[in-house]
Amino acid sequence: MLIFNSWLRMLTLGSISLAILGCGNQESESGSTIPENTSQKALTRTTPDLSEAIEKRIEGKPEDAVRILRKLNDEHPNSQEILLQLGRSLYDSQQFALAAFRLDQAISVGAETAIFKEAAEAHLKAGDEQSAEGLLRKYLVSYPDDGPASLNLGRLLAKTGDDTNALNALSKGSEFAEHQDCMLMAGLFYKKKLLAQAEHWYREAARREEGISPGPLLGLLRVKLFGGDLDNAEALILAIEKSNPGSIAETDLENEASELLRRRRLADFIERGVSPGNLKVTELAAALLSEKPEPVPVVALGPKLPPSISDVPTPPISTAQTEIEETSTLSDSEFIQAPSGFGLADAFADPVIERNSLDPMEEASSAYLGRNYPKALIFARQAIKENPTNSEAWRLSSQAHFQLGESREAEMTILEAIRHNPLDLETHIDYLGVARETLSSSRYLAELEKVHELFPESTEIIWQLARRYHLVERMPATATVLYRKILKTAPEGSALHHQAEMELIKLRTP
């Protein structure tokens, strides 16, 4: 009996111990780890509100955005969206090394491949070309058709001496190539002794720069001399020395160019009484470009006066003529610099057009509305000749060029319209329409943001900026801020107000 009572006591104590132990485990698994009243809060972390920081960026106050985002980053570490916006704001404030660091962090926590391009640009600005090259390579695997990114990679590869891959990358982005990119490609092709390609890109370099510099001409001269095309080489020497005296003397082409002129133009030097033996290329060219001494006339023919520039008729510039010129081979004489004082208004002047009874602007507008764009151009140019500051004439000229598919001419003329009327919203909207066709993606976005700063309350500009950030830049948070701004500024019931509402719904829908 005693033994049975002892066994019963032990069994009871064991049951109580197990019960206590079980309660302790239950508390450990639930109560002590996640308190009942806070468990839901821990499981569902709220998404940080970035709208204030994004608005500061849009307002051109990146330093304020950085301050806000750093605080948010402390509260929400490793948030992909915070790191992205922080990196972008640091980039905007020209803190490129820090921007690269934050964008790299965003990539490390799962940011999409598109961010590799932004990180590469930040590294490039910070002087870390090796990191930029690696990021661009990875980015282009997913986005092989991104021309500007290919150009950046090509520039980096050219610096490392990887000429073949540099040319491949540069060629992929050639649509967006600027003057210096064309010069780079031309030089790389010449290095490989691919003369036809080198000549093509030297000519493109000349076309894609503002004004005329000696670089493309000197490159062409180098190609012609190496290829044995002495006729064109001679013409180029004279063209270079006429437009940029002394340029050849600063290169290794000095001796070869001098010898060419001495050998081929000896009779001309003799006729001018010049001994070419010890003269440099600049002096030789100057002698050849000077007028020949006129023989004494046997019969007096009266005074010989040079014609006035205004007396020389300039044929109208037609679209057909432009197309013919663009499809033909560019002659070397086309690179000779225009006379001093020759302005854009002179280029578009058309003195042969007879004055009509109607105002030229009325004629131009009527022709444009009738879709006769060449005629609209003719009368717009006449209006510009009469008043070079007529911004509406410049604008109409741009519109006609654009309708004819002449984007570069459209860009040039709309910029003139802006120069003469810089605060006209409609002219700036026209410019953005042209810039979308002529500028690279990054440059177009920069121009769009500039116009937004100039007209911050324009719903049309805000809409264009929102769509850009939404569909092209893939920055939904920024697009959301802009769509909300449209809801505040556009009248309720308007098409733009309704469209902004629909886009916000799409952005909120996963």
Protein backbone atom coordinates (compact mmCIF):
# COMPACT_ATOMS: atom_id res chain seq x y z
CA MET A 1 0.00 0.00 0.00
CA LEU A 2 2.81 2.35 0.89
CA ILE A 3 4.54 1.53 -2.35
CA PHE A 4 1.33 2.16 -4.32
CA ASN A 5 0.81 5.57 -2.65
CA SER A 6 4.41 6.58 -3.45
CA TRP A 7 3.96 5.57 -7.09
CA LEU A 8 0.69 7.53 -7.29
CA ARG A 9 2.35 10.62 -5.82
CA MET A 10 5.16 10.44 -8.36
CA LEU A 11 2.68 10.02 -11.21
CA THR A 12 0.71 13.06 -10.09
CA LEU A 13 3.81 15.21 -9.72
CA GLY A 14 4.97 14.15 -13.16
CA SER A 15 1.64 15.13 -14.73
CA ILE A 16 1.75 18.51 -13.07
CA SER A 17 5.31 19.06 -14.31
CA LEU A 18 4.37 18.14 -17.84
CA ALA A 19 1.42 20.51 -17.71
CA ILE A 20 3.64 23.35 -16.49
CA LEU A 21 6.26 22.54 -19.11
CA GLY A 22 3.62 22.52 -21.83
CA CYS A 23 2.33 25.94 -20.79
CA GLY A 24 5.86 27.28 -20.83
CA ASN A 25 6.43 26.02 -24.36
CA GLN A 26 3.16 27.48 -25.52
CA GLU A 27 4.13 30.87 -24.16
CA SER A 28 7.52 30.61 -25.79
CA GLU A 29 6.03 29.85 -29.19
CA SER A 30 3.36 32.50 -29.12
CA GLY A 31 3.28 35.06 -26.38
CA SER A 32 6.94 35.71 -25.69
CA THR A 33 7.97 35.85 -29.41
CA ILE A 34 5.07 37.84 -30.86
CA PRO A 35 2.83 39.53 -28.27
CA GLU A 36 -0.81 39.02 -29.06
CA ASN A 37 -1.51 42.71 -29.57
CA THR A 38 1.47 43.36 -31.90
CA SER A 39 1.81 40.18 -33.95
CA GLN A 40 -0.11 41.51 -36.95
CA LYS A 41 1.96 44.69 -37.03
CA ALA A 42 5.17 42.67 -37.14
CA LEU A 43 3.93 40.41 -39.90
CA THR A 44 2.66 43.14 -42.22
CA ARG A 45 5.19 45.97 -42.51
CA THR A 46 3.73 49.18 -43.89
CA THR A 47 5.13 50.52 -47.16
CA PRO A 48 7.03 53.79 -46.58
CA ASP A 49 5.54 56.95 -48.12
CA LEU A 50 8.04 58.36 -50.61
CA SER A 51 5.81 61.02 -52.15
CA GLU A 52 7.37 63.95 -50.25
CA ALA A 53 10.89 62.94 -51.29
CA ILE A 54 9.85 62.44 -54.92
CA GLU A 55 8.13 65.83 -54.99
CA LYS A 56 11.33 67.45 -53.71
CA ARG A 57 13.23 65.79 -56.60
CA ILE A 58 10.73 67.05 -59.13
CA GLU A 59 10.95 70.56 -57.65
CA GLY A 60 14.72 70.49 -58.16
CA LYS A 61 15.59 70.13 -54.46
CA PRO A 62 17.55 66.86 -54.38
CA GLU A 63 19.35 67.74 -51.14
CA ASP A 64 15.99 67.91 -49.32
CA ALA A 65 15.00 64.61 -50.92
CA VAL A 66 18.28 63.02 -49.70
CA ARG A 67 17.62 64.20 -46.13
CA ILE A 68 14.10 62.70 -46.13
CA LEU A 69 15.21 59.44 -47.73
CA ARG A 70 18.12 58.92 -45.35
CA LYS A 71 15.72 59.10 -42.44
CA LEU A 72 13.38 56.65 -44.14
CA ASN A 73 16.31 54.33 -44.88
CA ASP A 74 17.18 54.26 -41.17
CA GLU A 75 13.59 53.32 -40.36
CA HIS A 76 13.23 50.81 -43.24
CA PRO A 77 16.67 49.33 -43.99
CA ASN A 78 17.11 47.36 -47.22
CA SER A 79 13.99 48.82 -48.79
CA GLN A 80 14.53 48.55 -52.52
CA GLU A 81 12.40 51.57 -53.41
CA ILE A 82 14.01 53.80 -50.74
CA LEU A 83 17.51 52.85 -51.91
CA LEU A 84 16.56 53.56 -55.52
CA GLN A 85 15.16 56.99 -54.76
CA LEU A 86 18.09 57.77 -52.47
CA GLY A 87 20.56 56.81 -55.19
CA ARG A 88 18.73 58.95 -57.76
CA SER A 89 18.52 61.94 -55.43
CA LEU A 90 22.23 61.67 -54.62
CA TYR A 91 22.93 61.55 -58.35
CA ASP A 92 20.81 64.67 -58.88
CA SER A 93 22.81 66.44 -56.17
CA GLN A 94 26.03 65.38 -57.97
CA GLN A 95 27.18 63.08 -55.16
CA PHE A 96 28.03 60.41 -57.71
CA ALA A 97 30.10 58.02 -55.59
CA LEU A 98 27.39 57.85 -52.92
CA ALA A 99 24.74 57.50 -55.62
CA ALA A 100 26.61 54.53 -57.10
CA PHE A 101 26.88 52.94 -53.64
CA ARG A 102 23.13 53.25 -52.94
CA LEU A 103 22.14 51.99 -56.40
CA ASP A 104 24.47 49.01 -55.94
CA GLN A 105 22.68 48.37 -52.64
CA ALA A 106 19.32 48.45 -54.43
CA ILE A 107 20.62 45.92 -56.94
CA SER A 108 21.85 43.67 -54.13
CA VAL A 109 18.35 43.52 -52.60
CA GLY A 110 16.70 42.58 -55.88
CA ALA A 111 16.24 45.73 -57.99
CA GLU A 112 15.31 44.97 -61.59
CA THR A 113 17.93 44.79 -64.33
CA ALA A 114 16.98 48.23 -65.68
CA ILE A 115 18.66 49.79 -62.63
CA PHE A 116 22.05 48.48 -63.83
CA LYS A 117 22.11 51.33 -66.37
CA GLU A 118 21.54 54.01 -63.71
CA ALA A 119 24.19 52.47 -61.48
CA ALA A 120 26.63 52.38 -64.41
CA GLU A 121 26.07 56.07 -65.13
CA ALA A 122 26.69 56.91 -61.48
CA HIS A 123 29.91 54.87 -61.43
CA LEU A 124 30.99 56.56 -64.66
CA LYS A 125 30.42 60.01 -63.19
CA ALA A 126 32.35 58.95 -60.10
CA GLY A 127 35.31 57.90 -62.27
CA ASP A 128 34.94 54.15 -61.75
CA GLU A 129 34.96 53.08 -65.40
CA GLN A 130 35.62 49.41 -64.66
CA SER A 131 32.44 49.03 -62.56
CA ALA A 132 30.47 51.01 -65.15
CA GLU A 133 31.63 48.69 -67.94
CA GLY A 134 30.62 45.56 -66.01
CA LEU A 135 27.16 46.93 -65.18
CA LEU A 136 26.53 48.03 -68.76
CA ARG A 137 27.46 44.58 -70.07
CA LYS A 138 24.92 42.97 -67.72
CA TYR A 139 22.27 45.56 -68.57
CA LEU A 140 22.65 45.11 -72.33
CA VAL A 141 22.08 41.36 -72.03
CA SER A 142 18.47 42.18 -71.11
CA TYR A 143 18.17 45.41 -73.13
CA PRO A 144 20.26 44.88 -76.29
CA ASP A 145 18.39 47.59 -78.24
CA ASP A 146 19.26 50.44 -75.87
CA GLY A 147 21.34 52.61 -78.19
CA PRO A 148 22.61 55.19 -75.65
CA ALA A 149 23.76 52.40 -73.32
CA SER A 150 25.59 50.71 -76.20
CA LEU A 151 27.31 54.02 -76.97
CA ASN A 152 28.49 54.35 -73.37
CA LEU A 153 29.85 50.81 -73.42
CA GLY A 154 31.59 51.46 -76.75
CA ARG A 155 33.28 54.57 -75.36
CA LEU A 156 34.57 52.60 -72.37
CA LEU A 157 35.81 49.70 -74.49
CA ALA A 158 37.64 52.09 -76.83
CA LYS A 159 39.58 53.44 -73.83
CA THR A 160 40.72 49.93 -72.93
CA GLY A 161 41.91 49.23 -76.48
CA ASP A 162 39.21 46.66 -77.26
CA ASP A 163 38.67 48.19 -80.71
CA THR A 164 36.55 45.43 -82.28
CA ASN A 165 34.02 45.19 -79.46
CA ALA A 166 34.06 48.98 -79.12
CA LEU A 167 33.06 49.34 -82.77
CA ASN A 168 30.33 46.73 -82.38
CA ALA A 169 28.86 48.57 -79.39
CA LEU A 170 29.20 52.01 -81.00
CA SER A 171 27.57 50.78 -84.21
CA LYS A 172 24.57 49.42 -82.28
CA GLY A 173 24.03 52.88 -80.80
CA SER A 174 24.99 54.86 -83.91
CA GLU A 175 21.46 56.26 -84.30
CA PHE A 176 22.10 58.26 -81.13
CA ALA A 177 25.74 59.01 -81.87
CA GLU A 178 26.88 62.59 -81.38
CA HIS A 179 29.77 64.36 -83.04
CA GLN A 180 32.45 62.90 -80.76
CA ASP A 181 31.04 59.37 -81.10
CA CYS A 182 31.26 59.65 -84.89
CA MET A 183 34.84 60.88 -84.61
CA LEU A 184 35.65 57.94 -82.35
CA MET A 185 34.16 55.41 -84.78
CA ALA A 186 35.93 57.03 -87.72
CA GLY A 187 39.26 56.86 -85.91
CA LEU A 188 38.78 53.19 -85.00
CA PHE A 189 37.83 52.28 -88.57
CA TYR A 190 40.87 54.18 -89.89
CA LYS A 191 43.05 52.33 -87.39
CA LYS A 192 41.82 49.08 -88.96
CA LYS A 193 42.46 50.59 -92.45
CA LEU A 194 38.75 50.34 -93.34
CA LEU A 195 38.84 53.57 -95.30
CA ALA A 196 35.29 53.64 -96.69
CA GLN A 197 33.80 53.25 -93.20
CA ALA A 198 36.22 55.79 -91.77
CA GLU A 199 35.27 58.34 -94.44
CA HIS A 200 31.56 57.77 -93.81
CA TRP A 201 31.86 58.49 -90.09
CA TYR A 202 34.10 61.53 -90.56
CA ARG A 203 31.38 62.95 -92.83
CA GLU A 204 28.72 62.06 -90.24
CA ALA A 205 30.82 63.79 -87.58
CA ALA A 206 30.77 66.96 -89.70
CA ARG A 207 27.01 66.74 -90.12
CA ARG A 208 26.28 66.16 -86.45
CA GLU A 209 28.23 69.03 -84.94
CA GLU A 210 27.25 72.63 -84.46
CA GLY A 211 29.39 74.75 -86.74
CA ILE A 212 32.44 73.41 -88.53
CA SER A 213 35.55 72.30 -86.65
CA PRO A 214 38.76 71.07 -88.29
CA GLY A 215 38.54 67.57 -86.77
CA PRO A 216 36.34 65.85 -89.40
CA LEU A 217 38.14 67.61 -92.24
CA LEU A 218 41.54 66.55 -90.93
CA GLY A 219 40.26 62.99 -90.60
CA LEU A 220 39.02 63.03 -94.19
CA LEU A 221 42.36 64.43 -95.33
CA ARG A 222 44.14 61.59 -93.58
CA VAL A 223 41.88 59.04 -95.33
CA LYS A 224 42.38 60.64 -98.77
CA LEU A 225 46.15 60.83 -98.40
CA PHE A 226 46.43 57.22 -97.25
CA GLY A 227 44.12 56.04 -100.04
CA GLY A 228 46.00 57.97 -102.73
CA ASP A 229 43.02 60.21 -103.67
CA LEU A 230 45.25 63.23 -104.28
CA ASP A 231 42.68 65.40 -106.09
CA ASN A 232 40.32 65.40 -103.11
CA ALA A 233 43.24 65.60 -100.70
CA GLU A 234 44.38 68.82 -102.36
CA ALA A 235 40.85 70.27 -102.23
CA LEU A 236 40.60 69.37 -98.53
CA ILE A 237 43.94 71.02 -97.70
CA LEU A 238 42.72 74.30 -99.19
CA ALA A 239 39.29 73.98 -97.54
CA ILE A 240 40.86 73.38 -94.13
CA GLU A 241 43.30 76.26 -94.45
CA LYS A 242 40.52 78.56 -95.61
CA SER A 243 38.19 77.76 -92.73
CA ASN A 244 40.72 76.97 -89.98
CA PRO A 245 44.17 78.35 -90.89
CA GLY A 246 47.05 76.59 -89.17
CA SER A 247 45.11 73.42 -88.29
CA ILE A 248 47.18 71.11 -90.48
CA ALA A 249 50.45 72.45 -89.06
CA GLU A 250 49.39 71.16 -85.61
CA THR A 251 49.24 67.55 -86.88
CA ASP A 252 51.61 64.97 -88.33
CA LEU A 253 50.15 65.72 -91.79
CA GLU A 254 52.12 68.96 -92.18
CA ASN A 255 55.01 67.63 -94.30
CA GLU A 256 52.89 65.39 -96.52
CA ALA A 257 50.34 68.16 -97.19
CA SER A 258 53.09 70.72 -97.96
CA GLU A 259 54.83 68.36 -100.37
CA LEU A 260 51.54 67.62 -102.14
CA LEU A 261 50.86 71.30 -102.81
CA ARG A 262 54.45 71.96 -103.98
CA ARG A 263 54.34 69.04 -106.40
CA ARG A 264 50.86 69.55 -107.87
CA ARG A 265 50.56 73.34 -107.90
CA LEU A 266 54.06 74.45 -108.93
CA ALA A 267 52.77 76.33 -111.99
CA ASP A 268 50.33 78.31 -109.83
CA PHE A 269 53.11 79.31 -107.43
CA ILE A 270 55.27 80.47 -110.37
CA GLU A 271 52.36 82.46 -111.80
CA ARG A 272 51.98 84.20 -108.44
CA GLY A 273 55.70 84.84 -108.11
CA VAL A 274 55.98 82.60 -105.02
CA SER A 275 58.95 80.32 -104.28
CA PRO A 276 57.38 77.34 -102.48
CA GLY A 277 60.62 75.63 -101.43
CA ASN A 278 60.77 76.66 -97.75
CA LEU A 279 57.12 77.54 -97.09
CA LYS A 280 54.85 75.69 -94.65
CA VAL A 281 51.46 74.33 -95.63
CA THR A 282 49.60 77.35 -94.21
CA GLU A 283 51.73 79.78 -96.26
CA LEU A 284 51.42 77.64 -99.39
CA ALA A 285 47.63 77.45 -99.06
CA ALA A 286 47.40 81.20 -98.42
CA ALA A 287 49.31 81.87 -101.63
CA LEU A 288 47.04 79.57 -103.65
CA LEU A 289 43.88 81.05 -102.13
CA SER A 290 44.98 84.59 -102.98
CA GLU A 291 43.82 86.16 -106.22
CA LYS A 292 46.00 85.77 -109.30
CA PRO A 293 47.56 88.99 -110.58
CA GLU A 294 45.32 90.32 -113.33
CA PRO A 295 46.91 91.00 -116.72
CA VAL A 296 46.80 94.56 -118.04
CA PRO A 297 43.67 94.83 -120.23
CA VAL A 298 44.15 95.83 -123.83
CA VAL A 299 40.68 97.36 -124.11
CA ALA A 300 39.09 99.25 -121.27
CA LEU A 301 35.78 97.71 -120.43
CA GLY A 302 34.73 100.07 -117.68
CA PRO A 303 34.76 99.48 -113.94
CA LYS A 304 34.36 95.88 -112.85
CA LEU A 305 32.35 95.86 -109.65
CA PRO A 306 31.77 92.73 -107.60
CA PRO A 307 28.08 91.81 -107.34
CA SER A 308 26.33 92.59 -104.08
CA ILE A 309 25.32 89.58 -102.03
CA SER A 310 21.72 90.76 -102.19
CA ASP A 311 21.90 90.73 -106.00
CA VAL A 312 22.81 87.06 -106.18
CA PRO A 313 19.59 85.04 -106.31
CA THR A 314 19.34 82.09 -103.93
CA PRO A 315 17.23 79.25 -105.33
CA PRO A 316 14.42 78.09 -103.06
CA ILE A 317 15.25 75.10 -100.91
CA SER A 318 12.79 72.36 -101.86
CA THR A 319 12.23 69.01 -100.25
CA ALA A 320 13.01 67.26 -103.52
CA GLN A 321 16.33 69.11 -103.77
CA THR A 322 17.16 68.18 -100.18
CA GLU A 323 16.42 64.52 -100.86
CA ILE A 324 18.65 64.53 -103.94
CA GLU A 325 21.50 66.11 -102.00
CA GLU A 326 21.16 63.64 -99.14
CA THR A 327 21.26 60.63 -101.42
CA SER A 328 24.23 61.86 -103.46
CA THR A 329 27.86 61.68 -102.37
CA LEU A 330 28.90 64.66 -100.30
CA SER A 331 31.57 66.66 -102.05
CA ASP A 332 34.52 67.94 -100.09
CA SER A 333 33.70 71.52 -100.97
CA GLU A 334 30.57 71.24 -98.80
CA PHE A 335 32.74 71.30 -95.72
CA ILE A 336 34.02 74.82 -96.41
CA GLN A 337 32.84 77.19 -93.70
CA ALA A 338 30.00 79.58 -94.46
CA PRO A 339 30.90 83.28 -94.77
CA SER A 340 31.20 85.28 -91.60
CA GLY A 341 27.90 86.87 -90.62
CA PHE A 342 25.85 84.21 -92.40
CA GLY A 343 22.97 83.45 -90.04
CA LEU A 344 20.08 81.03 -89.87
CA ALA A 345 17.68 83.62 -91.23
CA ASP A 346 19.88 84.03 -94.30
CA ALA A 347 19.82 80.31 -94.90
CA PHE A 348 16.06 80.31 -95.02
CA ALA A 349 15.69 83.55 -96.90
CA ASP A 350 14.09 83.25 -100.33
CA PRO A 351 14.51 86.47 -102.32
CA VAL A 352 13.30 84.95 -105.60
CA ILE A 353 9.72 84.58 -104.37
CA GLU A 354 7.63 87.37 -105.74
CA ARG A 355 5.60 89.30 -103.22
CA ASN A 356 1.98 88.22 -103.20
CA SER A 357 -0.96 90.39 -102.51
CA LEU A 358 -1.59 88.45 -99.31
CA ASP A 359 0.64 88.58 -96.25
CA PRO A 360 3.28 85.80 -96.46
CA MET A 361 2.19 84.44 -93.06
CA GLU A 362 -1.39 84.19 -94.28
CA GLU A 363 -0.18 82.37 -97.38
CA ALA A 364 2.01 80.07 -95.28
CA SER A 365 -0.82 79.26 -92.85
CA SER A 366 -3.24 78.62 -95.69
CA ALA A 367 -0.79 76.31 -97.44
CA TYR A 368 -0.07 74.44 -94.21
CA LEU A 369 -3.77 73.90 -93.47
CA GLY A 370 -4.11 72.65 -97.05
CA ARG A 371 -1.26 70.20 -96.38
CA ASN A 372 0.92 71.82 -99.02
CA TYR A 373 3.97 71.82 -96.79
CA PRO A 374 6.62 72.81 -99.39
CA LYS A 375 4.56 75.90 -100.27
CA ALA A 376 4.10 76.65 -96.55
CA LEU A 377 7.88 76.57 -96.18
CA ILE A 378 8.41 78.99 -99.06
CA PHE A 379 6.12 81.63 -97.60
CA ALA A 380 7.31 81.06 -94.03
CA ARG A 381 10.85 81.74 -95.25
CA GLN A 382 9.64 84.90 -96.97
CA ALA A 383 8.09 86.04 -93.69
CA ILE A 384 11.37 85.28 -91.89
CA LYS A 385 13.32 87.29 -94.47
CA GLU A 386 11.05 90.27 -93.86
CA ASN A 387 11.27 89.89 -90.09
CA PRO A 388 13.92 87.48 -88.72
CA THR A 389 12.43 87.79 -85.20
CA ASN A 390 8.99 86.54 -86.28
CA SER A 391 8.66 83.58 -83.92
CA GLU A 392 5.38 82.41 -85.49
CA ALA A 393 7.04 82.19 -88.90
CA TRP A 394 9.88 80.15 -87.39
CA ARG A 395 7.34 77.92 -85.66
CA LEU A 396 5.29 77.35 -88.81
CA SER A 397 8.48 76.60 -90.73
CA SER A 398 9.34 73.97 -88.11
CA GLN A 399 5.88 72.41 -88.36
CA ALA A 400 6.17 72.15 -92.14
CA HIS A 401 9.64 70.59 -91.93
CA PHE A 402 8.33 68.09 -89.39
CA GLN A 403 5.41 67.08 -91.62
CA LEU A 404 7.88 66.53 -94.45
CA GLY A 405 9.92 64.19 -92.26
CA GLU A 406 12.80 66.67 -91.93
CA SER A 407 13.29 66.33 -88.17
CA ARG A 408 16.68 68.04 -87.91
CA GLU A 409 15.47 71.10 -89.81
CA ALA A 410 12.34 71.11 -87.67
CA GLU A 411 14.47 71.12 -84.52
CA MET A 412 16.68 73.95 -85.75
CA THR A 413 13.75 76.19 -86.67
CA ILE A 414 11.67 75.54 -83.55
CA LEU A 415 14.68 76.47 -81.40
CA GLU A 416 14.83 79.76 -83.29
CA ALA A 417 11.13 80.28 -82.53
CA ILE A 418 11.83 79.72 -78.82
CA ARG A 419 14.78 82.11 -78.93
CA HIS A 420 12.52 84.90 -80.20
CA ASN A 421 9.58 84.03 -77.91
CA PRO A 422 10.93 82.05 -74.95
CA LEU A 423 7.76 82.13 -72.80
CA ASP A 424 5.27 80.72 -75.30
CA LEU A 425 3.95 77.38 -74.03
CA GLU A 426 2.70 76.11 -77.40
CA THR A 427 6.09 76.67 -79.00
CA HIS A 428 7.75 74.65 -76.24
CA ILE A 429 5.20 71.86 -76.74
CA ASP A 430 6.05 71.83 -80.46
CA TYR A 431 9.72 71.62 -79.52
CA LEU A 432 9.12 68.58 -77.30
CA GLY A 433 7.33 66.87 -80.17
CA VAL A 434 10.39 67.36 -82.37
CA ALA A 435 12.90 66.57 -79.61
CA ARG A 436 11.25 63.20 -79.07
CA GLU A 437 12.43 62.30 -82.59
CA THR A 438 15.88 63.93 -82.60
CA LEU A 439 17.29 63.53 -79.09
CA SER A 440 18.43 60.51 -77.13
CA SER A 441 16.09 59.21 -74.43
CA SER A 442 18.05 60.75 -71.56
CA ARG A 443 18.44 64.13 -73.29
CA TYR A 444 14.74 64.21 -74.17
CA LEU A 445 13.80 63.56 -70.53
CA ALA A 446 16.13 66.37 -69.42
CA GLU A 447 14.50 68.77 -71.91
CA LEU A 448 11.04 67.67 -70.77
CA GLU A 449 11.95 68.40 -67.15
CA LYS A 450 13.32 71.84 -68.14
CA VAL A 451 10.04 72.74 -69.84
CA HIS A 452 8.15 71.51 -66.75
CA GLU A 453 10.25 73.82 -64.58
CA LEU A 454 9.41 76.69 -66.93
CA PHE A 455 5.66 75.90 -66.98
CA PRO A 456 5.03 74.03 -63.68
CA GLU A 457 1.23 74.38 -63.87
CA SER A 458 0.80 73.16 -67.44
CA THR A 459 -1.26 69.96 -67.26
CA GLU A 460 -0.14 68.99 -70.77
CA ILE A 461 3.53 69.09 -69.75
CA ILE A 462 2.84 67.30 -66.45
CA TRP A 463 0.96 64.60 -68.39
CA GLN A 464 3.87 64.10 -70.81
CA LEU A 465 6.30 63.89 -67.89
CA ALA A 466 4.09 61.41 -66.02
CA ARG A 467 3.78 59.17 -69.07
CA ARG A 468 7.53 59.28 -69.59
CA TYR A 469 8.28 58.22 -66.03
CA HIS A 470 5.50 55.61 -66.16
CA LEU A 471 6.08 53.89 -69.50
CA VAL A 472 9.69 54.62 -70.47
CA GLU A 473 11.67 55.20 -67.28
CA ARG A 474 9.66 52.59 -65.36
CA MET A 475 9.46 54.74 -62.21
CA PRO A 476 5.87 54.21 -60.95
CA ALA A 477 6.33 56.16 -57.70
CA THR A 478 7.35 59.30 -59.60
CA ALA A 479 4.59 58.79 -62.16
CA THR A 480 2.05 58.46 -59.32
CA VAL A 481 3.04 61.82 -57.87
CA LEU A 482 2.63 63.46 -61.27
CA TYR A 483 -0.72 61.81 -62.00
CA ARG A 484 -1.99 63.07 -58.62
CA LYS A 485 -0.79 66.55 -59.52
CA ILE A 486 -2.88 66.38 -62.71
CA LEU A 487 -5.95 65.52 -60.63
CA LYS A 488 -5.35 68.73 -58.66
CA THR A 489 -4.80 71.00 -61.68
CA ALA A 490 -6.95 69.58 -64.49
CA PRO A 491 -10.70 70.42 -64.35
CA GLU A 492 -12.92 67.58 -63.12
CA GLY A 493 -14.67 65.90 -66.01
CA SER A 494 -11.93 66.82 -68.48
CA ALA A 495 -10.35 64.10 -70.60
CA LEU A 496 -6.95 64.62 -68.96
CA HIS A 497 -8.43 64.35 -65.47
CA HIS A 498 -10.16 61.11 -66.40
CA GLN A 499 -7.03 59.65 -68.01
CA ALA A 500 -4.94 60.45 -64.91
CA GLU A 501 -7.52 58.68 -62.73
CA MET A 502 -7.39 55.58 -64.94
CA GLU A 503 -3.59 55.48 -64.89
CA LEU A 504 -3.55 55.72 -61.08
CA ILE A 505 -5.95 52.77 -60.90
CA LYS A 506 -3.63 50.76 -63.17
CA LEU A 507 -0.63 51.59 -60.98
CA ARG A 508 -2.47 50.51 -57.81
CA THR A 509 -3.63 47.25 -59.41
CA PRO A 510 -1.01 44.50 -59.03
